[in-house]
Amino acid sequence: MTDPDLLRDIWNRACAGAGDGVGGRYLSALLLVDGMVRNGGPNHAADSCDPAELAAAAAAARYFGMADLAAVIDELPAAAEDDDADDRLSDTYYRLAPDSERLTDALAARHATAPEDFQPA
């Protein structure tokens, strides 16, 4: 079992954009877009993030074993152009990840199998 303080430190570094190793960088990318969606919805994320940031977040979701959430992130650009898409994507995003617990669980699971991915390069 991983020390919760260690996971909290990994999470906090990722929130600050200072994630260590490939895992920390993936977590940073995912948390950037997750925060945008949670603060202003899919439309906000689509308008505020460039395509590379959205692609990195989708890749991160896949890395953490959340292909379903990655598929929603891949669709976020549609939310910038269509209110119906914004509503649909918002509903789906919050159904898949109603709070940060799914992300913290995914971090814990990935860290348990690949702790070296979260070490400084």
C-alpha atoms as a PDB file:
ATOM      1  CA  MET A   1       0.000   0.000   0.000  1.00  0.00           C
ATOM      2  CA  THR A   2       1.274   3.438  -0.914  1.00  0.00           C
ATOM      3  CA  ASP A   3       1.708   6.107   1.719  1.00  0.00           C
ATOM      4  CA  PRO A   4      -1.194   8.601   1.375  1.00  0.00           C
ATOM      5  CA  ASP A   5       1.191  11.473   2.126  1.00  0.00           C
ATOM      6  CA  LEU A   6       3.365  10.467  -0.822  1.00  0.00           C
ATOM      7  CA  LEU A   7       0.346  10.404  -3.144  1.00  0.00           C
ATOM      8  CA  ARG A   8      -0.772  13.785  -1.801  1.00  0.00           C
ATOM      9  CA  ASP A   9       2.681  15.212  -2.534  1.00  0.00           C
ATOM     10  CA  ILE A  10       2.615  13.779  -6.075  1.00  0.00           C
ATOM     11  CA  TRP A  11      -0.863  15.274  -6.577  1.00  0.00           C
ATOM     12  CA  ASN A  12       0.170  18.675  -5.223  1.00  0.00           C
ATOM     13  CA  ARG A  13       3.267  18.845  -7.447  1.00  0.00           C
ATOM     14  CA  ALA A  14       1.121  17.913 -10.439  1.00  0.00           C
ATOM     15  CA  CYS A  15      -1.395  20.631  -9.546  1.00  0.00           C
ATOM     16  CA  ALA A  16       1.450  23.139  -9.610  1.00  0.00           C
ATOM     17  CA  GLY A  17       2.548  21.879 -13.027  1.00  0.00           C
ATOM     18  CA  ALA A  18       5.677  20.378 -11.509  1.00  0.00           C
ATOM     19  CA  GLY A  19       4.915  16.672 -11.785  1.00  0.00           C
ATOM     20  CA  ASP A  20       7.928  14.350 -11.623  1.00  0.00           C
ATOM     21  CA  GLY A  21       8.522  11.564 -14.089  1.00  0.00           C
ATOM     22  CA  VAL A  22       6.190  10.510 -16.833  1.00  0.00           C
ATOM     23  CA  GLY A  23       3.408   9.777 -14.343  1.00  0.00           C
ATOM     24  CA  GLY A  24       3.595  13.186 -12.718  1.00  0.00           C
ATOM     25  CA  ARG A  25       3.600  14.918 -16.093  1.00  0.00           C
ATOM     26  CA  TYR A  26       0.565  12.928 -17.180  1.00  0.00           C
ATOM     27  CA  LEU A  27      -1.180  13.816 -13.936  1.00  0.00           C
ATOM     28  CA  SER A  28      -0.402  17.523 -14.480  1.00  0.00           C
ATOM     29  CA  ALA A  29      -1.894  17.379 -17.980  1.00  0.00           C
ATOM     30  CA  LEU A  30      -5.030  15.644 -16.748  1.00  0.00           C
ATOM     31  CA  LEU A  31      -5.540  17.950 -13.787  1.00  0.00           C
ATOM     32  CA  LEU A  32      -5.226  21.042 -15.987  1.00  0.00           C
ATOM     33  CA  VAL A  33      -8.154  19.996 -18.181  1.00  0.00           C
ATOM     34  CA  ASP A  34     -10.128  18.491 -15.299  1.00  0.00           C
ATOM     35  CA  GLY A  35      -9.903  21.814 -13.485  1.00  0.00           C
ATOM     36  CA  MET A  36     -11.081  23.704 -16.547  1.00  0.00           C
ATOM     37  CA  VAL A  37     -14.082  21.401 -16.964  1.00  0.00           C
ATOM     38  CA  ARG A  38     -14.960  21.615 -13.278  1.00  0.00           C
ATOM     39  CA  ASN A  39     -14.581  25.405 -13.157  1.00  0.00           C
ATOM     40  CA  GLY A  40     -16.421  26.362 -16.319  1.00  0.00           C
ATOM     41  CA  GLY A  41     -17.604  23.280 -18.150  1.00  0.00           C
ATOM     42  CA  PRO A  42     -16.466  21.583 -21.334  1.00  0.00           C
ATOM     43  CA  ASN A  43     -16.859  24.785 -23.336  1.00  0.00           C
ATOM     44  CA  HIS A  44     -14.471  26.576 -20.976  1.00  0.00           C
ATOM     45  CA  ALA A  45     -11.911  23.784 -21.302  1.00  0.00           C
ATOM     46  CA  ALA A  46     -12.212  23.792 -25.091  1.00  0.00           C
ATOM     47  CA  ASP A  47     -11.779  27.565 -25.257  1.00  0.00           C
ATOM     48  CA  SER A  48      -9.007  27.811 -22.649  1.00  0.00           C
ATOM     49  CA  CYS A  49      -6.805  24.873 -23.588  1.00  0.00           C
ATOM     50  CA  ASP A  50      -4.928  24.525 -26.825  1.00  0.00           C
ATOM     51  CA  PRO A  51      -5.305  21.311 -28.838  1.00  0.00           C
ATOM     52  CA  ALA A  52      -1.996  19.958 -27.541  1.00  0.00           C
ATOM     53  CA  GLU A  53      -3.134  20.371 -23.927  1.00  0.00           C
ATOM     54  CA  LEU A  54      -6.400  18.568 -24.662  1.00  0.00           C
ATOM     55  CA  ALA A  55      -4.543  15.763 -26.447  1.00  0.00           C
ATOM     56  CA  ALA A  56      -2.108  15.457 -23.520  1.00  0.00           C
ATOM     57  CA  ALA A  57      -5.005  15.216 -21.062  1.00  0.00           C
ATOM     58  CA  ALA A  58      -6.674  12.501 -23.141  1.00  0.00           C
ATOM     59  CA  ALA A  59      -3.392  10.575 -23.316  1.00  0.00           C
ATOM     60  CA  ALA A  60      -3.051  10.991 -19.557  1.00  0.00           C
ATOM     61  CA  ALA A  61      -6.527   9.615 -18.927  1.00  0.00           C
ATOM     62  CA  ARG A  62      -5.592   6.570 -21.011  1.00  0.00           C
ATOM     63  CA  TYR A  63      -2.310   6.198 -19.107  1.00  0.00           C
ATOM     64  CA  PHE A  64      -4.295   6.125 -15.862  1.00  0.00           C
ATOM     65  CA  GLY A  65      -6.696   3.496 -17.241  1.00  0.00           C
ATOM     66  CA  MET A  66      -9.630   5.790 -17.900  1.00  0.00           C
ATOM     67  CA  ALA A  67     -10.269   5.314 -21.619  1.00  0.00           C
ATOM     68  CA  ASP A  68     -13.893   6.363 -21.171  1.00  0.00           C
ATOM     69  CA  LEU A  69     -12.858   9.726 -19.741  1.00  0.00           C
ATOM     70  CA  ALA A  70     -10.216  10.095 -22.475  1.00  0.00           C
ATOM     71  CA  ALA A  71     -12.954   9.700 -25.087  1.00  0.00           C
ATOM     72  CA  VAL A  72     -14.874  12.581 -23.515  1.00  0.00           C
ATOM     73  CA  ILE A  73     -11.755  14.763 -23.415  1.00  0.00           C
ATOM     74  CA  ASP A  74     -11.164  13.976 -27.100  1.00  0.00           C
ATOM     75  CA  GLU A  75     -14.612  15.407 -27.824  1.00  0.00           C
ATOM     76  CA  LEU A  76     -14.195  18.645 -25.839  1.00  0.00           C
ATOM     77  CA  PRO A  77     -13.472  20.822 -28.902  1.00  0.00           C
ATOM     78  CA  ALA A  78     -17.054  20.178 -30.058  1.00  0.00           C
ATOM     79  CA  ALA A  79     -18.294  21.902 -26.900  1.00  0.00           C
ATOM     80  CA  ALA A  80     -16.843  25.207 -28.069  1.00  0.00           C
ATOM     81  CA  GLU A  81     -19.140  25.237 -31.074  1.00  0.00           C
ATOM     82  CA  ASP A  82     -22.338  23.566 -29.914  1.00  0.00           C
ATOM     83  CA  ASP A  83     -24.378  24.105 -26.748  1.00  0.00           C
ATOM     84  CA  ASP A  84     -25.942  20.654 -27.081  1.00  0.00           C
ATOM     85  CA  ALA A  85     -22.473  19.099 -27.210  1.00  0.00           C
ATOM     86  CA  ASP A  86     -21.459  21.158 -24.182  1.00  0.00           C
ATOM     87  CA  ASP A  87     -24.431  19.865 -22.196  1.00  0.00           C
ATOM     88  CA  ARG A  88     -23.926  16.250 -23.342  1.00  0.00           C
ATOM     89  CA  LEU A  89     -20.201  16.295 -22.586  1.00  0.00           C
ATOM     90  CA  SER A  90     -20.755  17.925 -19.208  1.00  0.00           C
ATOM     91  CA  ASP A  91     -23.292  15.268 -18.234  1.00  0.00           C
ATOM     92  CA  THR A  92     -20.999  12.480 -19.397  1.00  0.00           C
ATOM     93  CA  TYR A  93     -17.890  13.923 -17.757  1.00  0.00           C
ATOM     94  CA  TYR A  94     -19.586  14.282 -14.377  1.00  0.00           C
ATOM     95  CA  ARG A  95     -21.152  10.820 -14.657  1.00  0.00           C
ATOM     96  CA  LEU A  96     -17.689   9.328 -15.227  1.00  0.00           C
ATOM     97  CA  ALA A  97     -15.844  11.538 -12.737  1.00  0.00           C
ATOM     98  CA  PRO A  98     -18.351  13.163 -10.367  1.00  0.00           C
ATOM     99  CA  ASP A  99     -15.499  14.380  -8.162  1.00  0.00           C
ATOM    100  CA  SER A 100     -11.755  13.962  -7.883  1.00  0.00           C
ATOM    101  CA  GLU A 101     -12.035  10.550  -6.226  1.00  0.00           C
ATOM    102  CA  ARG A 102     -11.826   8.668  -9.532  1.00  0.00           C
ATOM    103  CA  LEU A 103      -8.631  10.532 -10.393  1.00  0.00           C
ATOM    104  CA  THR A 104      -7.075   9.968  -6.963  1.00  0.00           C
ATOM    105  CA  ASP A 105      -7.973   6.267  -7.163  1.00  0.00           C
ATOM    106  CA  ALA A 106      -6.414   6.065 -10.640  1.00  0.00           C
ATOM    107  CA  LEU A 107      -3.252   7.744  -9.338  1.00  0.00           C
ATOM    108  CA  ALA A 108      -3.022   5.293  -6.445  1.00  0.00           C
ATOM    109  CA  ALA A 109      -3.515   2.301  -8.750  1.00  0.00           C
ATOM    110  CA  ARG A 110      -0.941   3.470 -11.277  1.00  0.00           C
ATOM    111  CA  HIS A 111       1.576   4.391  -8.583  1.00  0.00           C
ATOM    112  CA  ALA A 112       1.158   0.938  -7.029  1.00  0.00           C
ATOM    113  CA  THR A 113       2.114  -0.736 -10.316  1.00  0.00           C
ATOM    114  CA  ALA A 114       4.702   1.778 -11.585  1.00  0.00           C
ATOM    115  CA  PRO A 115       6.118   3.934  -8.770  1.00  0.00           C
ATOM    116  CA  GLU A 116       9.182   4.652 -10.887  1.00  0.00           C
ATOM    117  CA  ASP A 117       6.951   6.679 -13.242  1.00  0.00           C
ATOM    118  CA  PHE A 118       6.607   9.306 -10.513  1.00  0.00           C
ATOM    119  CA  GLN A 119      10.306   9.733  -9.707  1.00  0.00           C
ATOM    120  CA  PRO A 120      12.253  12.808 -10.789  1.00  0.00           C
ATOM    121  CA  ALA A 121      13.943  12.336 -14.142  1.00  0.00           C
END
